[in-house]
Amino acid sequence: MPFTRTHAAVEPARSEIDALAGPAVLEFGTAWCGHCIAAQPLLEDALRGHEQVRHIKVEDGKGRPLGRSFRVKLWPTLVFLRDGAEVDRLVRPSGRDEIERALARLDPAAD
C-alpha cells in the first residue's frame, strides 16, 4: 500500500488496529504541525519499495482515543506494527535511514 497523503477522516478503533494482519505504520500527527510536514518526504521515500506495508495516517489531538491508547505525546509519532503488535516506534524522525531501519524490523525474518 502506498504512502497516504491525508489524515483519515475518522480514526480507526484500537480494536481495528490490534486486529490488523501484516505490517503497518500508524502515523500520528496533524496537517498543520511543522515537524509532521517535515517528516512527510522522509516517510514517503522510505515507504517506497515497501508496498506490503499499510500506512495509516491518523490526525491526533486532545480527546482522540487512539493516540491516547498509544500514549502519543509528540508529533509525528510513527508506530510500526506487525499483526497489530507494536514492533518499533519513532518520534519526530529526522532521517530516512531511521525509518528504513524500523521498516526492516517489520519483516518477520528480522526476529
PDB file of N, CA and C in Angstrom:
ATOM      1  N   MET A   1       0.858  -1.173   0.000  1.00  0.00           N
ATOM      2  CA  MET A   1       0.000   0.000   0.000  1.00  0.00           C
ATOM      3  C   MET A   1       0.899   1.230   0.000  1.00  0.00           C
ATOM      4  N   PRO A   2       0.608   2.195  -0.825  1.00  0.00           N
ATOM      5  CA  PRO A   2       1.477   3.366  -0.929  1.00  0.00           C
ATOM      6  C   PRO A   2       1.336   4.329   0.246  1.00  0.00           C
ATOM      7  N   PHE A   3       2.192   5.321   0.235  1.00  0.00           N
ATOM      8  CA  PHE A   3       2.173   6.407   1.198  1.00  0.00           C
ATOM      9  C   PHE A   3       0.802   7.075   1.184  1.00  0.00           C
ATOM     10  N   THR A   4       0.264   7.354   2.354  1.00  0.00           N
ATOM     11  CA  THR A   4      -1.027   8.032   2.483  1.00  0.00           C
ATOM     12  C   THR A   4      -0.780   9.512   2.714  1.00  0.00           C
ATOM     13  N   ARG A   5      -1.329  10.349   1.864  1.00  0.00           N
ATOM     14  CA  ARG A   5      -1.074  11.797   1.938  1.00  0.00           C
ATOM     15  C   ARG A   5      -1.948  12.536   2.943  1.00  0.00           C
ATOM     16  N   THR A   6      -3.151  12.052   3.175  1.00  0.00           N
ATOM     17  CA  THR A   6      -4.074  12.781   4.047  1.00  0.00           C
ATOM     18  C   THR A   6      -4.440  11.951   5.281  1.00  0.00           C
ATOM     19  N   HIS A   7      -4.793  12.667   6.330  1.00  0.00           N
ATOM     20  CA  HIS A   7      -5.208  12.008   7.569  1.00  0.00           C
ATOM     21  C   HIS A   7      -6.604  11.410   7.380  1.00  0.00           C
ATOM     22  N   ALA A   8      -6.835  10.296   8.042  1.00  0.00           N
ATOM     23  CA  ALA A   8      -8.140   9.648   7.989  1.00  0.00           C
ATOM     24  C   ALA A   8      -9.200  10.584   8.545  1.00  0.00           C
ATOM     25  N   ALA A   9     -10.336  10.642   7.880  1.00  0.00           N
ATOM     26  CA  ALA A   9     -11.435  11.497   8.347  1.00  0.00           C
ATOM     27  C   ALA A   9     -11.954  11.019   9.694  1.00  0.00           C
ATOM     28  N   VAL A  10     -11.970   9.703   9.875  1.00  0.00           N
ATOM     29  CA  VAL A  10     -12.409   9.095  11.130  1.00  0.00           C
ATOM     30  C   VAL A  10     -11.311   8.136  11.572  1.00  0.00           C
ATOM     31  N   GLU A  11     -10.845   8.313  12.802  1.00  0.00           N
ATOM     32  CA  GLU A  11      -9.784   7.419  13.265  1.00  0.00           C
ATOM     33  C   GLU A  11     -10.326   6.021  13.500  1.00  0.00           C
ATOM     34  N   PRO A  12      -9.504   5.013  13.194  1.00  0.00           N
ATOM     35  CA  PRO A  12      -9.951   3.642  13.469  1.00  0.00           C
ATOM     36  C   PRO A  12      -9.997   3.380  14.973  1.00  0.00           C
ATOM     37  N   ALA A  13     -10.765   2.407  15.357  1.00  0.00           N
ATOM     38  CA  ALA A  13     -10.819   1.997  16.761  1.00  0.00           C
ATOM     39  C   ALA A  13      -9.561   1.208  17.086  1.00  0.00           C
ATOM     40  N   ARG A  14      -9.155   1.212  18.335  1.00  0.00           N
ATOM     41  CA  ARG A  14      -7.978   0.459  18.755  1.00  0.00           C
ATOM     42  C   ARG A  14      -8.149  -1.025  18.428  1.00  0.00           C
ATOM     43  N   SER A  15      -9.347  -1.541  18.559  1.00  0.00           N
ATOM     44  CA  SER A  15      -9.583  -2.955  18.258  1.00  0.00           C
ATOM     45  C   SER A  15      -9.307  -3.258  16.783  1.00  0.00           C
ATOM     46  N   GLU A  16      -9.586  -2.297  15.886  1.00  0.00           N
ATOM     47  CA  GLU A  16      -9.285  -2.484  14.462  1.00  0.00           C
ATOM     48  C   GLU A  16      -7.774  -2.530  14.226  1.00  0.00           C
ATOM     49  N   ILE A  17      -7.051  -1.671  14.920  1.00  0.00           N
ATOM     50  CA  ILE A  17      -5.593  -1.637  14.786  1.00  0.00           C
ATOM     51  C   ILE A  17      -4.995  -2.925  15.347  1.00  0.00           C
ATOM     52  N   ASP A  18      -5.463  -3.356  16.495  1.00  0.00           N
ATOM     53  CA  ASP A  18      -4.953  -4.583  17.120  1.00  0.00           C
ATOM     54  C   ASP A  18      -5.221  -5.815  16.253  1.00  0.00           C
ATOM     55  N   ALA A  19      -6.263  -5.766  15.421  1.00  0.00           N
ATOM     56  CA  ALA A  19      -6.640  -6.904  14.578  1.00  0.00           C
ATOM     57  C   ALA A  19      -5.988  -6.872  13.192  1.00  0.00           C
ATOM     58  N   LEU A  20      -5.169  -5.862  12.906  1.00  0.00           N
ATOM     59  CA  LEU A  20      -4.532  -5.767  11.590  1.00  0.00           C
ATOM     60  C   LEU A  20      -3.667  -6.990  11.317  1.00  0.00           C
ATOM     61  N   ALA A  21      -3.714  -7.448  10.091  1.00  0.00           N
ATOM     62  CA  ALA A  21      -2.842  -8.548   9.659  1.00  0.00           C
ATOM     63  C   ALA A  21      -1.708  -7.956   8.832  1.00  0.00           C
ATOM     64  N   GLY A  22      -0.503  -8.425   9.088  1.00  0.00           N
ATOM     65  CA  GLY A  22       0.639  -7.967   8.312  1.00  0.00           C
ATOM     66  C   GLY A  22       1.266  -6.700   8.858  1.00  0.00           C
ATOM     67  N   PRO A  23       2.203  -6.130   8.079  1.00  0.00           N
ATOM     68  CA  PRO A  23       2.927  -4.950   8.532  1.00  0.00           C
ATOM     69  C   PRO A  23       2.148  -3.655   8.288  1.00  0.00           C
ATOM     70  N   ALA A  24       2.304  -2.718   9.206  1.00  0.00           N
ATOM     71  CA  ALA A  24       1.641  -1.414   9.077  1.00  0.00           C
ATOM     72  C   ALA A  24       2.451  -0.355   9.812  1.00  0.00           C
ATOM     73  N   VAL A  25       2.319   0.876   9.330  1.00  0.00           N
ATOM     74  CA  VAL A  25       2.875   2.040  10.021  1.00  0.00           C
ATOM     75  C   VAL A  25       1.700   2.933  10.363  1.00  0.00           C
ATOM     76  N   LEU A  26       1.541   3.187  11.635  1.00  0.00           N
ATOM     77  CA  LEU A  26       0.491   4.057  12.136  1.00  0.00           C
ATOM     78  C   LEU A  26       1.145   5.396  12.447  1.00  0.00           C
ATOM     79  N   GLU A  27       0.745   6.430  11.724  1.00  0.00           N
ATOM     80  CA  GLU A  27       1.344   7.758  11.872  1.00  0.00           C
ATOM     81  C   GLU A  27       0.376   8.686  12.583  1.00  0.00           C
ATOM     82  N   PHE A  28       0.818   9.253  13.700  1.00  0.00           N
ATOM     83  CA  PHE A  28       0.012  10.225  14.445  1.00  0.00           C
ATOM     84  C   PHE A  28       0.586  11.614  14.220  1.00  0.00           C
ATOM     85  N   GLY A  29      -0.279  12.580  13.941  1.00  0.00           N
ATOM     86  CA  GLY A  29       0.155  13.958  13.743  1.00  0.00           C
ATOM     87  C   GLY A  29      -1.014  14.818  13.303  1.00  0.00           C
ATOM     88  N   THR A  30      -0.685  15.966  12.724  1.00  0.00           N
ATOM     89  CA  THR A  30      -1.704  16.853  12.167  1.00  0.00           C
ATOM     90  C   THR A  30      -1.183  17.450  10.865  1.00  0.00           C
ATOM     91  N   ALA A  31      -2.094  17.988  10.077  1.00  0.00           N
ATOM     92  CA  ALA A  31      -1.722  18.596   8.796  1.00  0.00           C
ATOM     93  C   ALA A  31      -0.980  19.910   8.989  1.00  0.00           C
ATOM     94  N   TRP A  32      -1.121  20.548  10.142  1.00  0.00           N
ATOM     95  CA  TRP A  32      -0.503  21.858  10.362  1.00  0.00           C
ATOM     96  C   TRP A  32       0.781  21.807  11.190  1.00  0.00           C
ATOM     97  N   CYS A  33       1.146  20.667  11.686  1.00  0.00           N
ATOM     98  CA  CYS A  33       2.337  20.509  12.535  1.00  0.00           C
ATOM     99  C   CYS A  33       3.605  20.603  11.675  1.00  0.00           C
ATOM    100  N   GLY A  34       4.505  21.509  12.008  1.00  0.00           N
ATOM    101  CA  GLY A  34       5.739  21.684  11.257  1.00  0.00           C
ATOM    102  C   GLY A  34       6.615  20.450  11.232  1.00  0.00           C
ATOM    103  N   HIS A  35       6.718  19.751  12.368  1.00  0.00           N
ATOM    104  CA  HIS A  35       7.513  18.521  12.423  1.00  0.00           C
ATOM    105  C   HIS A  35       6.890  17.435  11.532  1.00  0.00           C
ATOM    106  N   CYS A  36       5.562  17.386  11.517  1.00  0.00           N
ATOM    107  CA  CYS A  36       4.861  16.402  10.687  1.00  0.00           C
ATOM    108  C   CYS A  36       5.092  16.687   9.210  1.00  0.00           C
ATOM    109  N   ILE A  37       4.985  17.952   8.842  1.00  0.00           N
ATOM    110  CA  ILE A  37       5.200  18.360   7.447  1.00  0.00           C
ATOM    111  C   ILE A  37       6.618  18.009   7.009  1.00  0.00           C
ATOM    112  N   ALA A  38       7.595  18.281   7.865  1.00  0.00           N
ATOM    113  CA  ALA A  38       8.992  18.000   7.536  1.00  0.00           C
ATOM    114  C   ALA A  38       9.252  16.503   7.380  1.00  0.00           C
ATOM    115  N   ALA A  39       8.522  15.673   8.096  1.00  0.00           N
ATOM    116  CA  ALA A  39       8.739  14.225   8.045  1.00  0.00           C
ATOM    117  C   ALA A  39       8.095  13.568   6.820  1.00  0.00           C
ATOM    118  N   GLN A  40       7.158  14.241   6.167  1.00  0.00           N
ATOM    119  CA  GLN A  40       6.425  13.601   5.079  1.00  0.00           C
ATOM    120  C   GLN A  40       7.310  13.108   3.936  1.00  0.00           C
ATOM    121  N   PRO A  41       8.234  13.916   3.403  1.00  0.00           N
ATOM    122  CA  PRO A  41       9.065  13.381   2.316  1.00  0.00           C
ATOM    123  C   PRO A  41       9.966  12.231   2.759  1.00  0.00           C
ATOM    124  N   LEU A  42      10.410  12.254   4.015  1.00  0.00           N
ATOM    125  CA  LEU A  42      11.239  11.160   4.539  1.00  0.00           C
ATOM    126  C   LEU A  42      10.441   9.861   4.580  1.00  0.00           C
ATOM    127  N   LEU A  43       9.227   9.961   5.083  1.00  0.00           N
ATOM    128  CA  LEU A  43       8.374   8.786   5.203  1.00  0.00           C
ATOM    129  C   LEU A  43       7.952   8.276   3.832  1.00  0.00           C
ATOM    130  N   GLU A  44       7.577   9.186   2.958  1.00  0.00           N
ATOM    131  CA  GLU A  44       7.170   8.778   1.608  1.00  0.00           C
ATOM    132  C   GLU A  44       8.319   8.050   0.901  1.00  0.00           C
ATOM    133  N   ASP A  45       9.512   8.595   0.998  1.00  0.00           N
ATOM    134  CA  ASP A  45      10.678   7.988   0.367  1.00  0.00           C
ATOM    135  C   ASP A  45      10.982   6.620   0.981  1.00  0.00           C
ATOM    136  N   ALA A  46      10.922   6.525   2.300  1.00  0.00           N
ATOM    137  CA  ALA A  46      11.223   5.260   2.984  1.00  0.00           C
ATOM    138  C   ALA A  46      10.194   4.182   2.657  1.00  0.00           C
ATOM    139  N   LEU A  47       8.933   4.560   2.496  1.00  0.00           N
ATOM    140  CA  LEU A  47       7.888   3.582   2.208  1.00  0.00           C
ATOM    141  C   LEU A  47       7.938   3.076   0.770  1.00  0.00           C
ATOM    142  N   ARG A  48       8.590   3.843  -0.105  1.00  0.00           N
ATOM    143  CA  ARG A  48       8.720   3.409  -1.492  1.00  0.00           C
ATOM    144  C   ARG A  48       9.465   2.074  -1.505  1.00  0.00           C
ATOM    145  N   GLY A  49       8.897   1.101  -2.173  1.00  0.00           N
ATOM    146  CA  GLY A  49       9.504  -0.229  -2.190  1.00  0.00           C
ATOM    147  C   GLY A  49       8.993  -1.142  -1.093  1.00  0.00           C
ATOM    148  N   HIS A  50       8.122  -0.633  -0.236  1.00  0.00           N
ATOM    149  CA  HIS A  50       7.526  -1.436   0.839  1.00  0.00           C
ATOM    150  C   HIS A  50       6.005  -1.466   0.645  1.00  0.00           C
ATOM    151  N   GLU A  51       5.578  -1.884  -0.545  1.00  0.00           N
ATOM    152  CA  GLU A  51       4.153  -1.852  -0.880  1.00  0.00           C
ATOM    153  C   GLU A  51       3.304  -2.731   0.018  1.00  0.00           C
ATOM    154  N   GLN A  52       3.910  -3.714   0.665  1.00  0.00           N
ATOM    155  CA  GLN A  52       3.159  -4.604   1.549  1.00  0.00           C
ATOM    156  C   GLN A  52       2.840  -3.949   2.895  1.00  0.00           C
ATOM    157  N   VAL A  53       3.463  -2.808   3.184  1.00  0.00           N
ATOM    158  CA  VAL A  53       3.258  -2.122   4.468  1.00  0.00           C
ATOM    159  C   VAL A  53       2.096  -1.140   4.339  1.00  0.00           C
ATOM    160  N   ARG A  54       1.101  -1.330   5.159  1.00  0.00           N
ATOM    161  CA  ARG A  54      -0.046  -0.423   5.193  1.00  0.00           C
ATOM    162  C   ARG A  54       0.361   0.845   5.950  1.00  0.00           C
ATOM    163  N   HIS A  55       0.057   2.013   5.397  1.00  0.00           N
ATOM    164  CA  HIS A  55       0.344   3.295   6.050  1.00  0.00           C
ATOM    165  C   HIS A  55      -0.983   3.917   6.459  1.00  0.00           C
ATOM    166  N   ILE A  56      -1.163   4.090   7.755  1.00  0.00           N
ATOM    167  CA  ILE A  56      -2.406   4.649   8.294  1.00  0.00           C
ATOM    168  C   ILE A  56      -2.059   5.968   8.963  1.00  0.00           C
ATOM    169  N   LYS A  57      -2.561   7.053   8.414  1.00  0.00           N
ATOM    170  CA  LYS A  57      -2.264   8.391   8.917  1.00  0.00           C
ATOM    171  C   LYS A  57      -3.470   8.870   9.726  1.00  0.00           C
ATOM    172  N   VAL A  58      -3.252   9.132  11.008  1.00  0.00           N
ATOM    173  CA  VAL A  58      -4.326   9.487  11.921  1.00  0.00           C
ATOM    174  C   VAL A  58      -4.077  10.876  12.494  1.00  0.00           C
ATOM    175  N   GLU A  59      -5.073  11.749  12.371  1.00  0.00           N
ATOM    176  CA  GLU A  59      -4.966  13.065  12.997  1.00  0.00           C
ATOM    177  C   GLU A  59      -5.111  12.887  14.507  1.00  0.00           C
ATOM    178  N   ASP A  60      -4.175  13.439  15.225  1.00  0.00           N
ATOM    179  CA  ASP A  60      -4.165  13.273  16.674  1.00  0.00           C
ATOM    180  C   ASP A  60      -4.470  14.598  17.339  1.00  0.00           C
ATOM    181  N   GLY A  61      -4.803  14.541  18.594  1.00  0.00           N
ATOM    182  CA  GLY A  61      -5.076  15.741  19.370  1.00  0.00           C
ATOM    183  C   GLY A  61      -5.788  15.382  20.658  1.00  0.00           C
ATOM    184  N   LYS A  62      -6.071  16.400  21.431  1.00  0.00           N
ATOM    185  CA  LYS A  62      -6.731  16.221  22.708  1.00  0.00           C
ATOM    186  C   LYS A  62      -8.063  15.487  22.520  1.00  0.00           C
ATOM    187  N   GLY A  63      -8.266  14.487  23.351  1.00  0.00           N
ATOM    188  CA  GLY A  63      -9.521  13.749  23.314  1.00  0.00           C
ATOM    189  C   GLY A  63      -9.597  12.685  22.231  1.00  0.00           C
ATOM    190  N   ARG A  64      -8.516  12.461  21.508  1.00  0.00           N
ATOM    191  CA  ARG A  64      -8.506  11.428  20.471  1.00  0.00           C
ATOM    192  C   ARG A  64      -8.087  10.101  21.115  1.00  0.00           C
ATOM    193  N   PRO A  65      -9.003   9.148  21.199  1.00  0.00           N
ATOM    194  CA  PRO A  65      -8.717   7.929  21.961  1.00  0.00           C
ATOM    195  C   PRO A  65      -7.600   7.058  21.395  1.00  0.00           C
ATOM    196  N   LEU A  66      -7.460   6.993  20.077  1.00  0.00           N
ATOM    197  CA  LEU A  66      -6.427   6.102  19.531  1.00  0.00           C
ATOM    198  C   LEU A  66      -5.036   6.584  19.924  1.00  0.00           C
ATOM    199  N   GLY A  67      -4.786   7.879  19.768  1.00  0.00           N
ATOM    200  CA  GLY A  67      -3.487   8.429  20.166  1.00  0.00           C
ATOM    201  C   GLY A  67      -3.215   8.247  21.650  1.00  0.00           C
ATOM    202  N   ARG A  68      -4.248   8.402  22.475  1.00  0.00           N
ATOM    203  CA  ARG A  68      -4.062   8.226  23.908  1.00  0.00           C
ATOM    204  C   ARG A  68      -3.763   6.763  24.225  1.00  0.00           C
ATOM    205  N   SER A  69      -4.390   5.841  23.500  1.00  0.00           N
ATOM    206  CA  SER A  69      -4.155   4.423  23.771  1.00  0.00           C
ATOM    207  C   SER A  69      -2.721   4.017  23.432  1.00  0.00           C
ATOM    208  N   PHE A  70      -2.085   4.755  22.522  1.00  0.00           N
ATOM    209  CA  PHE A  70      -0.681   4.513  22.185  1.00  0.00           C
ATOM    210  C   PHE A  70       0.259   5.459  22.938  1.00  0.00           C
ATOM    211  N   ARG A  71      -0.286   6.247  23.842  1.00  0.00           N
ATOM    212  CA  ARG A  71       0.482   7.183  24.671  1.00  0.00           C
ATOM    213  C   ARG A  71       1.327   8.152  23.837  1.00  0.00           C
ATOM    214  N   VAL A  72       0.720   8.666  22.780  1.00  0.00           N
ATOM    215  CA  VAL A  72       1.390   9.628  21.909  1.00  0.00           C
ATOM    216  C   VAL A  72       1.489  10.964  22.636  1.00  0.00           C
ATOM    217  N   LYS A  73       2.688  11.525  22.648  1.00  0.00           N
ATOM    218  CA  LYS A  73       2.928  12.814  23.311  1.00  0.00           C
ATOM    219  C   LYS A  73       3.402  13.878  22.328  1.00  0.00           C
ATOM    220  N   LEU A  74       4.202  13.481  21.326  1.00  0.00           N
ATOM    221  CA  LEU A  74       4.752  14.411  20.345  1.00  0.00           C
ATOM    222  C   LEU A  74       4.411  13.934  18.939  1.00  0.00           C
ATOM    223  N   TRP A  75       4.376  14.884  18.021  1.00  0.00           N
ATOM    224  CA  TRP A  75       4.084  14.571  16.617  1.00  0.00           C
ATOM    225  C   TRP A  75       5.297  14.850  15.754  1.00  0.00           C
ATOM    226  N   PRO A  76       5.454  14.142  14.689  1.00  0.00           N
ATOM    227  CA  PRO A  76       4.753  12.906  14.403  1.00  0.00           C
ATOM    228  C   PRO A  76       5.319  11.755  15.231  1.00  0.00           C
ATOM    229  N   THR A  77       4.446  10.837  15.543  1.00  0.00           N
ATOM    230  CA  THR A  77       4.855   9.581  16.144  1.00  0.00           C
ATOM    231  C   THR A  77       4.486   8.490  15.152  1.00  0.00           C
ATOM    232  N   LEU A  78       5.470   7.673  14.810  1.00  0.00           N
ATOM    233  CA  LEU A  78       5.262   6.545  13.901  1.00  0.00           C
ATOM    234  C   LEU A  78       5.322   5.263  14.718  1.00  0.00           C
ATOM    235  N   VAL A  79       4.256   4.491  14.671  1.00  0.00           N
ATOM    236  CA  VAL A  79       4.199   3.218  15.373  1.00  0.00           C
ATOM    237  C   VAL A  79       4.233   2.125  14.307  1.00  0.00           C
ATOM    238  N   PHE A  80       5.251   1.289  14.370  1.00  0.00           N
ATOM    239  CA  PHE A  80       5.447   0.217  13.405  1.00  0.00           C
ATOM    240  C   PHE A  80       4.840  -1.051  13.985  1.00  0.00           C
ATOM    241  N   LEU A  81       3.888  -1.625  13.261  1.00  0.00           N
ATOM    242  CA  LEU A  81       3.104  -2.756  13.751  1.00  0.00           C
ATOM    243  C   LEU A  81       3.272  -3.974  12.858  1.00  0.00           C
ATOM    244  N   ARG A  82       3.313  -5.128  13.470  1.00  0.00           N
ATOM    245  CA  ARG A  82       3.241  -6.394  12.745  1.00  0.00           C
ATOM    246  C   ARG A  82       2.104  -7.184  13.366  1.00  0.00           C
ATOM    247  N   ASP A  83       1.106  -7.479  12.566  1.00  0.00           N
ATOM    248  CA  ASP A  83      -0.089  -8.196  13.033  1.00  0.00           C
ATOM    249  C   ASP A  83      -0.691  -7.527  14.265  1.00  0.00           C
ATOM    250  N   GLY A  84      -0.763  -6.210  14.223  1.00  0.00           N
ATOM    251  CA  GLY A  84      -1.399  -5.436  15.285  1.00  0.00           C
ATOM    252  C   GLY A  84      -0.558  -5.193  16.519  1.00  0.00           C
ATOM    253  N   ALA A  85       0.643  -5.761  16.566  1.00  0.00           N
ATOM    254  CA  ALA A  85       1.515  -5.605  17.738  1.00  0.00           C
ATOM    255  C   ALA A  85       2.637  -4.623  17.411  1.00  0.00           C
ATOM    256  N   GLU A  86       2.930  -3.742  18.351  1.00  0.00           N
ATOM    257  CA  GLU A  86       3.987  -2.759  18.149  1.00  0.00           C
ATOM    258  C   GLU A  86       5.358  -3.432  18.115  1.00  0.00           C
ATOM    259  N   VAL A  87       6.111  -3.123  17.063  1.00  0.00           N
ATOM    260  CA  VAL A  87       7.448  -3.655  16.870  1.00  0.00           C
ATOM    261  C   VAL A  87       8.488  -2.574  17.140  1.00  0.00           C
ATOM    262  N   ASP A  88       8.154  -1.347  16.764  1.00  0.00           N
ATOM    263  CA  ASP A  88       9.065  -0.227  16.929  1.00  0.00           C
ATOM    264  C   ASP A  88       8.259   1.056  16.941  1.00  0.00           C
ATOM    265  N   ARG A  89       8.936   2.141  17.333  1.00  0.00           N
ATOM    266  CA  ARG A  89       8.293   3.459  17.396  1.00  0.00           C
ATOM    267  C   ARG A  89       9.348   4.514  17.144  1.00  0.00           C
ATOM    268  N   LEU A  90       8.988   5.513  16.353  1.00  0.00           N
ATOM    269  CA  LEU A  90       9.857   6.664  16.138  1.00  0.00           C
ATOM    270  C   LEU A  90       9.061   7.925  16.450  1.00  0.00           C
ATOM    271  N   VAL A  91       9.683   8.829  17.181  1.00  0.00           N
ATOM    272  CA  VAL A  91       9.068  10.107  17.488  1.00  0.00           C
ATOM    273  C   VAL A  91       9.918  11.182  16.824  1.00  0.00           C
ATOM    274  N   ARG A  92       9.262  11.983  15.993  1.00  0.00           N
ATOM    275  CA  ARG A  92       9.930  13.043  15.237  1.00  0.00           C
ATOM    276  C   ARG A  92      11.178  12.534  14.504  1.00  0.00           C
ATOM    277  N   PRO A  93      10.981  11.587  13.591  1.00  0.00           N
ATOM    278  CA  PRO A  93      12.136  11.065  12.858  1.00  0.00           C
ATOM    279  C   PRO A  93      12.833  12.170  12.081  1.00  0.00           C
ATOM    280  N   SER A  94      14.152  12.116  12.073  1.00  0.00           N
ATOM    281  CA  SER A  94      14.918  13.177  11.405  1.00  0.00           C
ATOM    282  C   SER A  94      15.600  12.701  10.136  1.00  0.00           C
ATOM    283  N   GLY A  95      15.503  11.407   9.844  1.00  0.00           N
ATOM    284  CA  GLY A  95      16.158  10.908   8.656  1.00  0.00           C
ATOM    285  C   GLY A  95      15.485   9.680   8.089  1.00  0.00           C
ATOM    286  N   ARG A  96      15.640   9.503   6.801  1.00  0.00           N
ATOM    287  CA  ARG A  96      15.070   8.356   6.104  1.00  0.00           C
ATOM    288  C   ARG A  96      15.663   7.050   6.643  1.00  0.00           C
ATOM    289  N   ASP A  97      16.955   7.064   6.998  1.00  0.00           N
ATOM    290  CA  ASP A  97      17.623   5.841   7.457  1.00  0.00           C
ATOM    291  C   ASP A  97      16.962   5.247   8.699  1.00  0.00           C
ATOM    292  N   GLU A  98      16.594   6.092   9.659  1.00  0.00           N
ATOM    293  CA  GLU A  98      15.979   5.542  10.861  1.00  0.00           C
ATOM    294  C   GLU A  98      14.594   4.960  10.565  1.00  0.00           C
ATOM    295  N   ILE A  99      13.893   5.537   9.608  1.00  0.00           N
ATOM    296  CA  ILE A  99      12.597   4.981   9.198  1.00  0.00           C
ATOM    297  C   ILE A  99      12.821   3.649   8.493  1.00  0.00           C
ATOM    298  N   GLU A 100      13.837   3.588   7.631  1.00  0.00           N
ATOM    299  CA  GLU A 100      14.170   2.335   6.933  1.00  0.00           C
ATOM    300  C   GLU A 100      14.512   1.226   7.925  1.00  0.00           C
ATOM    301  N   ARG A 101      15.291   1.547   8.956  1.00  0.00           N
ATOM    302  CA  ARG A 101      15.653   0.529   9.959  1.00  0.00           C
ATOM    303  C   ARG A 101      14.403   0.000  10.672  1.00  0.00           C
ATOM    304  N   ALA A 102      13.468   0.900  10.997  1.00  0.00           N
ATOM    305  CA  ALA A 102      12.232   0.463  11.658  1.00  0.00           C
ATOM    306  C   ALA A 102      11.382  -0.379  10.705  1.00  0.00           C
ATOM    307  N   LEU A 103      11.340   0.005   9.435  1.00  0.00           N
ATOM    308  CA  LEU A 103      10.595  -0.794   8.462  1.00  0.00           C
ATOM    309  C   LEU A 103      11.198  -2.188   8.330  1.00  0.00           C
ATOM    310  N   ALA A 104      12.523  -2.279   8.381  1.00  0.00           N
ATOM    311  CA  ALA A 104      13.192  -3.585   8.280  1.00  0.00           C
ATOM    312  C   ALA A 104      12.795  -4.490   9.441  1.00  0.00           C
ATOM    313  N   ARG A 105      12.521  -3.921  10.616  1.00  0.00           N
ATOM    314  CA  ARG A 105      12.125  -4.714  11.774  1.00  0.00           C
ATOM    315  C   ARG A 105      10.723  -5.314  11.618  1.00  0.00           C
ATOM    316  N   LEU A 106       9.954  -4.810  10.646  1.00  0.00           N
ATOM    317  CA  LEU A 106       8.622  -5.361  10.406  1.00  0.00           C
ATOM    318  C   LEU A 106       8.685  -6.717   9.715  1.00  0.00           C
ATOM    319  N   ASP A 107       9.819  -7.020   9.122  1.00  0.00           N
ATOM    320  CA  ASP A 107       9.996  -8.293   8.427  1.00  0.00           C
ATOM    321  C   ASP A 107      10.155  -9.393   9.472  1.00  0.00           C
ATOM    322  N   PRO A 108       9.275 -10.412   9.456  1.00  0.00           N
ATOM    323  CA  PRO A 108       9.375 -11.487  10.457  1.00  0.00           C
ATOM    324  C   PRO A 108      10.732 -12.178  10.453  1.00  0.00           C
ATOM    325  N   ALA A 109      11.432 -12.173   9.344  1.00  0.00           N
ATOM    326  CA  ALA A 109      12.752 -12.796   9.276  1.00  0.00           C
ATOM    327  C   ALA A 109      13.781 -12.010  10.085  1.00  0.00           C
ATOM    328  N   ALA A 110      13.449 -10.764  10.458  1.00  0.00           N
ATOM    329  CA  ALA A 110      14.388  -9.923  11.221  1.00  0.00           C
ATOM    330  C   ALA A 110      14.447 -10.344  12.690  1.00  0.00           C
ATOM    331  N   ASP A 111      13.496 -11.155  13.118  1.00  0.00           N
ATOM    332  CA  ASP A 111      13.485 -11.589  14.542  1.00  0.00           C
ATOM    333  C   ASP A 111      14.562 -12.589  14.854  1.00  0.00           C
TER     334      ASP A 111
END
